[in-house]
Amino acid sequence: IDYVKSEKPFLGICLGLQLLFDFSEEGGKVDGLGIFKGAI
């Protein structure tokens, strides 16, 4: 979270994209990193 907020270069791949958002429906409702708004 601190790294992404520093605006240095970051690349998320597959689940690495999904984790950036608020939560996922996988496994019920699991909170993510919450860097961006949105649900998986």
PDB file of all heavy atoms in Angstrom:
ATOM      1  N   ILE A   1       0.839  -1.203   0.000  1.00  0.00           N
ATOM      2  CA  ILE A   1       0.000   0.000   0.000  1.00  0.00           C
ATOM      3  C   ILE A   1       0.872   1.252   0.000  1.00  0.00           C
ATOM      4  O   ILE A   1       0.660   2.184  -0.788  1.00  0.00           O
ATOM      5  CB  ILE A   1      -0.953  -0.005   1.214  1.00  0.00           C
ATOM      6  CG1 ILE A   1      -2.009  -1.094   1.051  1.00  0.00           C
ATOM      7  CG2 ILE A   1      -1.627   1.368   1.382  1.00  0.00           C
ATOM      8  CD1 ILE A   1      -2.826  -1.353   2.307  1.00  0.00           C
ATOM      9  N   ASP A   2       1.870   1.284   0.873  1.00  0.00           N
ATOM     10  CA  ASP A   2       2.760   2.447   0.948  1.00  0.00           C
ATOM     11  C   ASP A   2       3.532   2.628  -0.351  1.00  0.00           C
ATOM     12  O   ASP A   2       3.726   3.759  -0.814  1.00  0.00           O
ATOM     13  CB  ASP A   2       3.740   2.297   2.115  1.00  0.00           C
ATOM     14  CG  ASP A   2       3.069   2.449   3.470  1.00  0.00           C
ATOM     15  OD1 ASP A   2       1.921   2.949   3.513  1.00  0.00           O
ATOM     16  OD2 ASP A   2       3.685   2.070   4.481  1.00  0.00           O
ATOM     17  N   TYR A   3       3.960   1.517  -0.936  1.00  0.00           N
ATOM     18  CA  TYR A   3       4.707   1.596  -2.187  1.00  0.00           C
ATOM     19  C   TYR A   3       3.841   2.194  -3.301  1.00  0.00           C
ATOM     20  O   TYR A   3       4.271   3.118  -4.007  1.00  0.00           O
ATOM     21  CB  TYR A   3       5.215   0.206  -2.603  1.00  0.00           C
ATOM     22  CG  TYR A   3       5.982   0.254  -3.900  1.00  0.00           C
ATOM     23  CD1 TYR A   3       7.357   0.418  -3.899  1.00  0.00           C
ATOM     24  CD2 TYR A   3       5.321   0.175  -5.128  1.00  0.00           C
ATOM     25  CE1 TYR A   3       8.060   0.503  -5.089  1.00  0.00           C
ATOM     26  CE2 TYR A   3       6.019   0.265  -6.319  1.00  0.00           C
ATOM     27  CZ  TYR A   3       7.386   0.427  -6.293  1.00  0.00           C
ATOM     28  OH  TYR A   3       8.071   0.535  -7.480  1.00  0.00           O
ATOM     29  N   VAL A   4       2.641   1.658  -3.481  1.00  0.00           N
ATOM     30  CA  VAL A   4       1.770   2.152  -4.562  1.00  0.00           C
ATOM     31  C   VAL A   4       1.433   3.624  -4.349  1.00  0.00           C
ATOM     32  O   VAL A   4       1.434   4.417  -5.298  1.00  0.00           O
ATOM     33  CB  VAL A   4       0.484   1.301  -4.655  1.00  0.00           C
ATOM     34  CG1 VAL A   4      -0.489   1.901  -5.652  1.00  0.00           C
ATOM     35  CG2 VAL A   4       0.828  -0.133  -5.057  1.00  0.00           C
ATOM     36  N   LYS A   5       1.183   4.008  -3.116  1.00  0.00           N
ATOM     37  CA  LYS A   5       0.853   5.406  -2.830  1.00  0.00           C
ATOM     38  C   LYS A   5       2.034   6.340  -3.077  1.00  0.00           C
ATOM     39  O   LYS A   5       1.857   7.537  -3.276  1.00  0.00           O
ATOM     40  CB  LYS A   5       0.350   5.535  -1.398  1.00  0.00           C
ATOM     41  CG  LYS A   5      -1.049   4.957  -1.201  1.00  0.00           C
ATOM     42  CD  LYS A   5      -1.569   5.169   0.205  1.00  0.00           C
ATOM     43  CE  LYS A   5      -3.003   4.669   0.335  1.00  0.00           C
ATOM     44  NZ  LYS A   5      -3.530   4.846   1.715  1.00  0.00           N
ATOM     45  N   SER A   6       3.246   5.779  -3.079  1.00  0.00           N
ATOM     46  CA  SER A   6       4.428   6.595  -3.369  1.00  0.00           C
ATOM     47  C   SER A   6       4.536   6.928  -4.853  1.00  0.00           C
ATOM     48  O   SER A   6       5.368   7.741  -5.257  1.00  0.00           O
ATOM     49  CB  SER A   6       5.697   5.861  -2.917  1.00  0.00           C
ATOM     50  OG  SER A   6       6.031   4.808  -3.819  1.00  0.00           O
ATOM     51  N   GLU A   7       3.706   6.259  -5.660  1.00  0.00           N
ATOM     52  CA  GLU A   7       3.624   6.473  -7.106  1.00  0.00           C
ATOM     53  C   GLU A   7       4.879   6.025  -7.849  1.00  0.00           C
ATOM     54  O   GLU A   7       5.142   6.472  -8.962  1.00  0.00           O
ATOM     55  CB  GLU A   7       3.265   7.918  -7.445  1.00  0.00           C
ATOM     56  CG  GLU A   7       1.896   8.323  -6.916  1.00  0.00           C
ATOM     57  CD  GLU A   7       1.445   9.684  -7.408  1.00  0.00           C
ATOM     58  OE1 GLU A   7       2.168  10.289  -8.225  1.00  0.00           O
ATOM     59  OE2 GLU A   7       0.369  10.146  -6.980  1.00  0.00           O
ATOM     60  N   LYS A   8       5.618   5.100  -7.258  1.00  0.00           N
ATOM     61  CA  LYS A   8       6.709   4.463  -8.002  1.00  0.00           C
ATOM     62  C   LYS A   8       6.120   3.367  -8.887  1.00  0.00           C
ATOM     63  O   LYS A   8       4.997   2.916  -8.663  1.00  0.00           O
ATOM     64  CB  LYS A   8       7.739   3.892  -7.024  1.00  0.00           C
ATOM     65  CG  LYS A   8       8.525   4.946  -6.266  1.00  0.00           C
ATOM     66  CD  LYS A   8       9.702   4.353  -5.513  1.00  0.00           C
ATOM     67  CE  LYS A   8       9.266   3.485  -4.350  1.00  0.00           C
ATOM     68  NZ  LYS A   8      10.436   2.962  -3.575  1.00  0.00           N
ATOM     69  N   PRO A   9       6.839   2.915  -9.902  1.00  0.00           N
ATOM     70  CA  PRO A   9       6.278   1.950 -10.875  1.00  0.00           C
ATOM     71  C   PRO A   9       5.872   0.626 -10.232  1.00  0.00           C
ATOM     72  O   PRO A   9       6.657  -0.010  -9.531  1.00  0.00           O
ATOM     73  CB  PRO A   9       7.427   1.748 -11.866  1.00  0.00           C
ATOM     74  CG  PRO A   9       8.241   3.001 -11.748  1.00  0.00           C
ATOM     75  CD  PRO A   9       8.177   3.385 -10.317  1.00  0.00           C
ATOM     76  N   PHE A  10       4.642   0.216 -10.523  1.00  0.00           N
ATOM     77  CA  PHE A  10       4.063  -1.001  -9.959  1.00  0.00           C
ATOM     78  C   PHE A  10       3.293  -1.735 -11.041  1.00  0.00           C
ATOM     79  O   PHE A  10       2.573  -1.120 -11.838  1.00  0.00           O
ATOM     80  CB  PHE A  10       3.115  -0.650  -8.814  1.00  0.00           C
ATOM     81  CG  PHE A  10       2.351  -1.826  -8.255  1.00  0.00           C
ATOM     82  CD1 PHE A  10       2.849  -2.566  -7.194  1.00  0.00           C
ATOM     83  CD2 PHE A  10       1.122  -2.211  -8.803  1.00  0.00           C
ATOM     84  CE1 PHE A  10       2.155  -3.658  -6.685  1.00  0.00           C
ATOM     85  CE2 PHE A  10       0.417  -3.302  -8.306  1.00  0.00           C
ATOM     86  CZ  PHE A  10       0.939  -4.017  -7.244  1.00  0.00           C
ATOM     87  N   LEU A  11       3.429  -3.068 -11.064  1.00  0.00           N
ATOM     88  CA  LEU A  11       2.657  -3.904 -11.982  1.00  0.00           C
ATOM     89  C   LEU A  11       2.021  -5.051 -11.210  1.00  0.00           C
ATOM     90  O   LEU A  11       2.724  -5.850 -10.590  1.00  0.00           O
ATOM     91  CB  LEU A  11       3.549  -4.466 -13.093  1.00  0.00           C
ATOM     92  CG  LEU A  11       2.876  -5.451 -14.062  1.00  0.00           C
ATOM     93  CD1 LEU A  11       1.784  -4.767 -14.873  1.00  0.00           C
ATOM     94  CD2 LEU A  11       3.914  -6.092 -14.996  1.00  0.00           C
ATOM     95  N   GLY A  12       0.701  -5.140 -11.245  1.00  0.00           N
ATOM     96  CA  GLY A  12      -0.024  -6.260 -10.673  1.00  0.00           C
ATOM     97  C   GLY A  12      -0.433  -7.220 -11.771  1.00  0.00           C
ATOM     98  O   GLY A  12      -0.853  -6.778 -12.857  1.00  0.00           O
ATOM     99  N   ILE A  13      -0.305  -8.519 -11.521  1.00  0.00           N
ATOM    100  CA  ILE A  13      -0.644  -9.536 -12.522  1.00  0.00           C
ATOM    101  C   ILE A  13      -1.718 -10.454 -11.976  1.00  0.00           C
ATOM    102  O   ILE A  13      -1.545 -11.069 -10.915  1.00  0.00           O
ATOM    103  CB  ILE A  13       0.607 -10.353 -12.917  1.00  0.00           C
ATOM    104  CG1 ILE A  13       1.645  -9.455 -13.601  1.00  0.00           C
ATOM    105  CG2 ILE A  13       0.218 -11.514 -13.842  1.00  0.00           C
ATOM    106  CD1 ILE A  13       2.952 -10.165 -13.921  1.00  0.00           C
ATOM    107  N   CYS A  14      -2.843 -10.570 -12.700  1.00  0.00           N
ATOM    108  CA  CYS A  14      -3.962 -11.454 -12.377  1.00  0.00           C
ATOM    109  C   CYS A  14      -4.503 -11.141 -10.978  1.00  0.00           C
ATOM    110  O   CYS A  14      -5.103 -10.094 -10.779  1.00  0.00           O
ATOM    111  CB  CYS A  14      -3.559 -12.915 -12.534  1.00  0.00           C
ATOM    112  SG  CYS A  14      -4.969 -14.057 -12.579  1.00  0.00           S
ATOM    113  N   LEU A  15      -4.293 -12.022 -10.014  1.00  0.00           N
ATOM    114  CA  LEU A  15      -4.738 -11.740  -8.654  1.00  0.00           C
ATOM    115  C   LEU A  15      -4.076 -10.482  -8.119  1.00  0.00           C
ATOM    116  O   LEU A  15      -4.633  -9.783  -7.265  1.00  0.00           O
ATOM    117  CB  LEU A  15      -4.433 -12.939  -7.754  1.00  0.00           C
ATOM    118  CG  LEU A  15      -5.048 -12.941  -6.352  1.00  0.00           C
ATOM    119  CD1 LEU A  15      -6.564 -12.833  -6.411  1.00  0.00           C
ATOM    120  CD2 LEU A  15      -4.634 -14.203  -5.602  1.00  0.00           C
ATOM    121  N   GLY A  16      -2.889 -10.170  -8.637  1.00  0.00           N
ATOM    122  CA  GLY A  16      -2.207  -8.937  -8.250  1.00  0.00           C
ATOM    123  C   GLY A  16      -2.955  -7.692  -8.646  1.00  0.00           C
ATOM    124  O   GLY A  16      -2.763  -6.625  -8.047  1.00  0.00           O
ATOM    125  N   LEU A  17      -3.808  -7.765  -9.657  1.00  0.00           N
ATOM    126  CA  LEU A  17      -4.727  -6.675  -9.983  1.00  0.00           C
ATOM    127  C   LEU A  17      -5.891  -6.668  -8.996  1.00  0.00           C
ATOM    128  O   LEU A  17      -6.224  -5.628  -8.418  1.00  0.00           O
ATOM    129  CB  LEU A  17      -5.255  -6.827 -11.408  1.00  0.00           C
ATOM    130  CG  LEU A  17      -6.393  -5.886 -11.834  1.00  0.00           C
ATOM    131  CD1 LEU A  17      -6.231  -5.441 -13.273  1.00  0.00           C
ATOM    132  CD2 LEU A  17      -7.773  -6.544 -11.671  1.00  0.00           C
ATOM    133  N   GLN A  18      -6.494  -7.812  -8.776  1.00  0.00           N
ATOM    134  CA  GLN A  18      -7.693  -7.884  -7.944  1.00  0.00           C
ATOM    135  C   GLN A  18      -7.437  -7.419  -6.513  1.00  0.00           C
ATOM    136  O   GLN A  18      -8.292  -6.782  -5.891  1.00  0.00           O
ATOM    137  CB  GLN A  18      -8.227  -9.313  -7.943  1.00  0.00           C
ATOM    138  CG  GLN A  18      -8.675  -9.798  -9.314  1.00  0.00           C
ATOM    139  CD  GLN A  18      -9.236 -11.209  -9.289  1.00  0.00           C
ATOM    140  OE1 GLN A  18      -9.324 -11.838  -8.242  1.00  0.00           O
ATOM    141  NE2 GLN A  18      -9.631 -11.707 -10.449  1.00  0.00           N
ATOM    142  N   LEU A  19      -6.250  -7.718  -5.991  1.00  0.00           N
ATOM    143  CA  LEU A  19      -5.932  -7.376  -4.601  1.00  0.00           C
ATOM    144  C   LEU A  19      -5.872  -5.871  -4.358  1.00  0.00           C
ATOM    145  O   LEU A  19      -5.988  -5.425  -3.211  1.00  0.00           O
ATOM    146  CB  LEU A  19      -4.592  -8.005  -4.209  1.00  0.00           C
ATOM    147  CG  LEU A  19      -4.567  -9.531  -4.136  1.00  0.00           C
ATOM    148  CD1 LEU A  19      -3.128 -10.028  -4.067  1.00  0.00           C
ATOM    149  CD2 LEU A  19      -5.355 -10.033  -2.929  1.00  0.00           C
ATOM    150  N   LEU A  20      -5.717  -5.085  -5.407  1.00  0.00           N
ATOM    151  CA  LEU A  20      -5.633  -3.638  -5.252  1.00  0.00           C
ATOM    152  C   LEU A  20      -6.963  -3.009  -4.865  1.00  0.00           C
ATOM    153  O   LEU A  20      -7.000  -1.861  -4.409  1.00  0.00           O
ATOM    154  CB  LEU A  20      -5.153  -2.991  -6.558  1.00  0.00           C
ATOM    155  CG  LEU A  20      -3.760  -3.383  -7.058  1.00  0.00           C
ATOM    156  CD1 LEU A  20      -3.493  -2.730  -8.402  1.00  0.00           C
ATOM    157  CD2 LEU A  20      -2.690  -2.991  -6.045  1.00  0.00           C
ATOM    158  N   PHE A  21      -8.061  -3.771  -5.006  1.00  0.00           N
ATOM    159  CA  PHE A  21      -9.390  -3.202  -4.822  1.00  0.00           C
ATOM    160  C   PHE A  21      -9.997  -3.536  -3.457  1.00  0.00           C
ATOM    161  O   PHE A  21      -9.365  -4.187  -2.630  1.00  0.00           O
ATOM    162  CB  PHE A  21     -10.278  -3.618  -5.995  1.00  0.00           C
ATOM    163  CG  PHE A  21      -9.865  -2.924  -7.260  1.00  0.00           C
ATOM    164  CD1 PHE A  21      -8.804  -3.398  -8.024  1.00  0.00           C
ATOM    165  CD2 PHE A  21     -10.489  -1.757  -7.649  1.00  0.00           C
ATOM    166  CE1 PHE A  21      -8.389  -2.733  -9.160  1.00  0.00           C
ATOM    167  CE2 PHE A  21     -10.085  -1.075  -8.795  1.00  0.00           C
ATOM    168  CZ  PHE A  21      -9.032  -1.566  -9.545  1.00  0.00           C
ATOM    169  N   ASP A  22     -11.207  -3.039  -3.222  1.00  0.00           N
ATOM    170  CA  ASP A  22     -11.805  -3.082  -1.886  1.00  0.00           C
ATOM    171  C   ASP A  22     -12.026  -4.491  -1.346  1.00  0.00           C
ATOM    172  O   ASP A  22     -11.665  -4.793  -0.221  1.00  0.00           O
ATOM    173  CB  ASP A  22     -13.151  -2.332  -1.877  1.00  0.00           C
ATOM    174  CG  ASP A  22     -12.972  -0.838  -2.019  1.00  0.00           C
ATOM    175  OD1 ASP A  22     -12.018  -0.301  -1.419  1.00  0.00           O
ATOM    176  OD2 ASP A  22     -13.782  -0.203  -2.719  1.00  0.00           O
ATOM    177  N   PHE A  23     -12.657  -5.334  -2.170  1.00  0.00           N
ATOM    178  CA  PHE A  23     -12.952  -6.685  -1.695  1.00  0.00           C
ATOM    179  C   PHE A  23     -13.256  -7.612  -2.864  1.00  0.00           C
ATOM    180  O   PHE A  23     -13.487  -7.174  -3.989  1.00  0.00           O
ATOM    181  CB  PHE A  23     -14.132  -6.684  -0.712  1.00  0.00           C
ATOM    182  CG  PHE A  23     -15.471  -6.388  -1.342  1.00  0.00           C
ATOM    183  CD1 PHE A  23     -16.277  -7.414  -1.821  1.00  0.00           C
ATOM    184  CD2 PHE A  23     -15.941  -5.082  -1.450  1.00  0.00           C
ATOM    185  CE1 PHE A  23     -17.510  -7.155  -2.395  1.00  0.00           C
ATOM    186  CE2 PHE A  23     -17.180  -4.813  -2.026  1.00  0.00           C
ATOM    187  CZ  PHE A  23     -17.962  -5.849  -2.497  1.00  0.00           C
ATOM    188  N   SER A  24     -13.251  -8.909  -2.558  1.00  0.00           N
ATOM    189  CA  SER A  24     -13.612  -9.924  -3.537  1.00  0.00           C
ATOM    190  C   SER A  24     -14.748 -10.778  -2.991  1.00  0.00           C
ATOM    191  O   SER A  24     -14.827 -11.010  -1.780  1.00  0.00           O
ATOM    192  CB  SER A  24     -12.407 -10.815  -3.851  1.00  0.00           C
ATOM    193  OG  SER A  24     -12.783 -11.898  -4.692  1.00  0.00           O
ATOM    194  N   GLU A  25     -15.579 -11.262  -3.894  1.00  0.00           N
ATOM    195  CA  GLU A  25     -16.638 -12.198  -3.517  1.00  0.00           C
ATOM    196  C   GLU A  25     -16.110 -13.610  -3.314  1.00  0.00           C
ATOM    197  O   GLU A  25     -16.827 -14.461  -2.776  1.00  0.00           O
ATOM    198  CB  GLU A  25     -17.711 -12.232  -4.608  1.00  0.00           C
ATOM    199  CG  GLU A  25     -18.499 -10.942  -4.756  1.00  0.00           C
ATOM    200  CD  GLU A  25     -19.559 -11.036  -5.835  1.00  0.00           C
ATOM    201  OE1 GLU A  25     -19.475 -11.945  -6.691  1.00  0.00           O
ATOM    202  OE2 GLU A  25     -20.471 -10.196  -5.821  1.00  0.00           O
ATOM    203  N   GLU A  26     -14.856 -13.849  -3.697  1.00  0.00           N
ATOM    204  CA  GLU A  26     -14.290 -15.184  -3.555  1.00  0.00           C
ATOM    205  C   GLU A  26     -14.152 -15.542  -2.076  1.00  0.00           C
ATOM    206  O   GLU A  26     -13.532 -14.818  -1.303  1.00  0.00           O
ATOM    207  CB  GLU A  26     -12.922 -15.258  -4.236  1.00  0.00           C
ATOM    208  CG  GLU A  26     -12.331 -16.654  -4.249  1.00  0.00           C
ATOM    209  CD  GLU A  26     -11.021 -16.729  -5.005  1.00  0.00           C
ATOM    210  OE1 GLU A  26     -10.536 -15.686  -5.477  1.00  0.00           O
ATOM    211  OE2 GLU A  26     -10.488 -17.847  -5.125  1.00  0.00           O
ATOM    212  N   GLY A  27     -14.752 -16.670  -1.692  1.00  0.00           N
ATOM    213  CA  GLY A  27     -14.687 -17.073  -0.290  1.00  0.00           C
ATOM    214  C   GLY A  27     -15.636 -16.292   0.598  1.00  0.00           C
ATOM    215  O   GLY A  27     -15.420 -16.164   1.801  1.00  0.00           O
ATOM    216  N   GLY A  28     -16.694 -15.750  -0.005  1.00  0.00           N
ATOM    217  CA  GLY A  28     -17.647 -14.929   0.749  1.00  0.00           C
ATOM    218  C   GLY A  28     -17.420 -13.479   0.396  1.00  0.00           C
ATOM    219  O   GLY A  28     -17.705 -13.040  -0.705  1.00  0.00           O
ATOM    220  N   LYS A  29     -16.878 -12.730   1.323  1.00  0.00           N
ATOM    221  CA  LYS A  29     -16.473 -11.352   1.075  1.00  0.00           C
ATOM    222  C   LYS A  29     -15.164 -11.137   1.817  1.00  0.00           C
ATOM    223  O   LYS A  29     -15.129 -11.138   3.041  1.00  0.00           O
ATOM    224  CB  LYS A  29     -17.523 -10.354   1.543  1.00  0.00           C
ATOM    225  CG  LYS A  29     -17.128  -8.906   1.295  1.00  0.00           C
ATOM    226  CD  LYS A  29     -18.191  -7.929   1.772  1.00  0.00           C
ATOM    227  CE  LYS A  29     -17.729  -6.491   1.577  1.00  0.00           C
ATOM    228  NZ  LYS A  29     -18.721  -5.504   2.076  1.00  0.00           N
ATOM    229  N   VAL A  30     -14.100 -10.958   1.073  1.00  0.00           N
ATOM    230  CA  VAL A  30     -12.769 -10.830   1.655  1.00  0.00           C
ATOM    231  C   VAL A  30     -12.208  -9.455   1.305  1.00  0.00           C
ATOM    232  O   VAL A  30     -12.157  -9.076   0.137  1.00  0.00           O
ATOM    233  CB  VAL A  30     -11.817 -11.918   1.129  1.00  0.00           C
ATOM    234  CG1 VAL A  30     -10.436 -11.771   1.756  1.00  0.00           C
ATOM    235  CG2 VAL A  30     -12.390 -13.303   1.407  1.00  0.00           C
ATOM    236  N   ASP A  31     -11.802  -8.718   2.317  1.00  0.00           N
ATOM    237  CA  ASP A  31     -11.243  -7.394   2.089  1.00  0.00           C
ATOM    238  C   ASP A  31      -9.897  -7.480   1.391  1.00  0.00           C
ATOM    239  O   ASP A  31      -9.061  -8.336   1.702  1.00  0.00           O
ATOM    240  CB  ASP A  31     -11.064  -6.645   3.414  1.00  0.00           C
ATOM    241  CG  ASP A  31     -12.380  -6.227   4.035  1.00  0.00           C
ATOM    242  OD1 ASP A  31     -13.375  -6.114   3.283  1.00  0.00           O
ATOM    243  OD2 ASP A  31     -12.425  -5.999   5.258  1.00  0.00           O
ATOM    244  N   GLY A  32      -9.681  -6.565   0.436  1.00  0.00           N
ATOM    245  CA  GLY A  32      -8.411  -6.473  -0.259  1.00  0.00           C
ATOM    246  C   GLY A  32      -7.565  -5.347   0.290  1.00  0.00           C
ATOM    247  O   GLY A  32      -7.759  -4.903   1.432  1.00  0.00           O
ATOM    248  N   LEU A  33      -6.650  -4.857  -0.514  1.00  0.00           N
ATOM    249  CA  LEU A  33      -5.769  -3.783  -0.083  1.00  0.00           C
ATOM    250  C   LEU A  33      -6.473  -2.436  -0.060  1.00  0.00           C
ATOM    251  O   LEU A  33      -6.036  -1.517   0.627  1.00  0.00           O
ATOM    252  CB  LEU A  33      -4.533  -3.717  -0.991  1.00  0.00           C
ATOM    253  CG  LEU A  33      -3.634  -4.965  -0.966  1.00  0.00           C
ATOM    254  CD1 LEU A  33      -2.557  -4.857  -2.048  1.00  0.00           C
ATOM    255  CD2 LEU A  33      -3.000  -5.157   0.404  1.00  0.00           C
ATOM    256  N   GLY A  34      -7.545  -2.303  -0.814  1.00  0.00           N
ATOM    257  CA  GLY A  34      -8.354  -1.080  -0.772  1.00  0.00           C
ATOM    258  C   GLY A  34      -7.664   0.156  -1.315  1.00  0.00           C
ATOM    259  O   GLY A  34      -8.017   1.274  -0.946  1.00  0.00           O
ATOM    260  N   ILE A  35      -6.721  -0.014  -2.219  1.00  0.00           N
ATOM    261  CA  ILE A  35      -6.039   1.137  -2.812  1.00  0.00           C
ATOM    262  C   ILE A  35      -6.956   1.846  -3.796  1.00  0.00           C
ATOM    263  O   ILE A  35      -6.949   3.076  -3.896  1.00  0.00           O
ATOM    264  CB  ILE A  35      -4.741   0.683  -3.495  1.00  0.00           C
ATOM    265  CG1 ILE A  35      -3.776   0.107  -2.441  1.00  0.00           C
ATOM    266  CG2 ILE A  35      -4.080   1.828  -4.255  1.00  0.00           C
ATOM    267  CD1 ILE A  35      -2.564  -0.580  -3.023  1.00  0.00           C
ATOM    268  N   PHE A  36      -7.767   1.071  -4.516  1.00  0.00           N
ATOM    269  CA  PHE A  36      -8.744   1.618  -5.447  1.00  0.00           C
ATOM    270  C   PHE A  36     -10.139   1.110  -5.092  1.00  0.00           C
ATOM    271  O   PHE A  36     -10.282   0.044  -4.488  1.00  0.00           O
ATOM    272  CB  PHE A  36      -8.406   1.223  -6.891  1.00  0.00           C
ATOM    273  CG  PHE A  36      -7.065   1.698  -7.359  1.00  0.00           C
ATOM    274  CD1 PHE A  36      -6.066   0.795  -7.687  1.00  0.00           C
ATOM    275  CD2 PHE A  36      -6.786   3.047  -7.466  1.00  0.00           C
ATOM    276  CE1 PHE A  36      -4.821   1.212  -8.122  1.00  0.00           C
ATOM    277  CE2 PHE A  36      -5.542   3.493  -7.895  1.00  0.00           C
ATOM    278  CZ  PHE A  36      -4.556   2.575  -8.221  1.00  0.00           C
ATOM    279  N   LYS A  37     -11.145   1.862  -5.496  1.00  0.00           N
ATOM    280  CA  LYS A  37     -12.529   1.503  -5.226  1.00  0.00           C
ATOM    281  C   LYS A  37     -13.044   0.521  -6.269  1.00  0.00           C
ATOM    282  O   LYS A  37     -12.861   0.721  -7.464  1.00  0.00           O
ATOM    283  CB  LYS A  37     -13.419   2.756  -5.216  1.00  0.00           C
ATOM    284  CG  LYS A  37     -13.117   3.718  -4.075  1.00  0.00           C
ATOM    285  CD  LYS A  37     -13.491   3.104  -2.744  1.00  0.00           C
ATOM    286  CE  LYS A  37     -13.263   4.078  -1.595  1.00  0.00           C
ATOM    287  NZ  LYS A  37     -13.528   3.438  -0.282  1.00  0.00           N
ATOM    288  N   GLY A  38     -13.677  -0.550  -5.778  1.00  0.00           N
ATOM    289  CA  GLY A  38     -14.256  -1.519  -6.692  1.00  0.00           C
ATOM    290  C   GLY A  38     -14.289  -2.899  -6.075  1.00  0.00           C
ATOM    291  O   GLY A  38     -13.570  -3.178  -5.107  1.00  0.00           O
ATOM    292  N   ALA A  39     -15.142  -3.753  -6.612  1.00  0.00           N
ATOM    293  CA  ALA A  39     -15.315  -5.113  -6.105  1.00  0.00           C
ATOM    294  C   ALA A  39     -14.914  -6.122  -7.171  1.00  0.00           C
ATOM    295  O   ALA A  39     -15.071  -5.881  -8.378  1.00  0.00           O
ATOM    296  CB  ALA A  39     -16.763  -5.335  -5.695  1.00  0.00           C
ATOM    297  N   ILE A  40     -14.410  -7.255  -6.716  1.00  0.00           N
ATOM    298  CA  ILE A  40     -14.065  -8.371  -7.589  1.00  0.00           C
ATOM    299  C   ILE A  40     -15.205  -9.380  -7.497  1.00  0.00           C
ATOM    300  O   ILE A  40     -15.466  -9.924  -6.425  1.00  0.00           O
ATOM    301  CB  ILE A  40     -12.736  -9.019  -7.172  1.00  0.00           C
ATOM    302  CG1 ILE A  40     -11.642  -7.958  -7.031  1.00  0.00           C
ATOM    303  CG2 ILE A  40     -12.350 -10.104  -8.157  1.00  0.00           C
ATOM    304  CD1 ILE A  40     -11.397  -7.131  -8.274  1.00  0.00           C
TER     305      ILE A  40
END
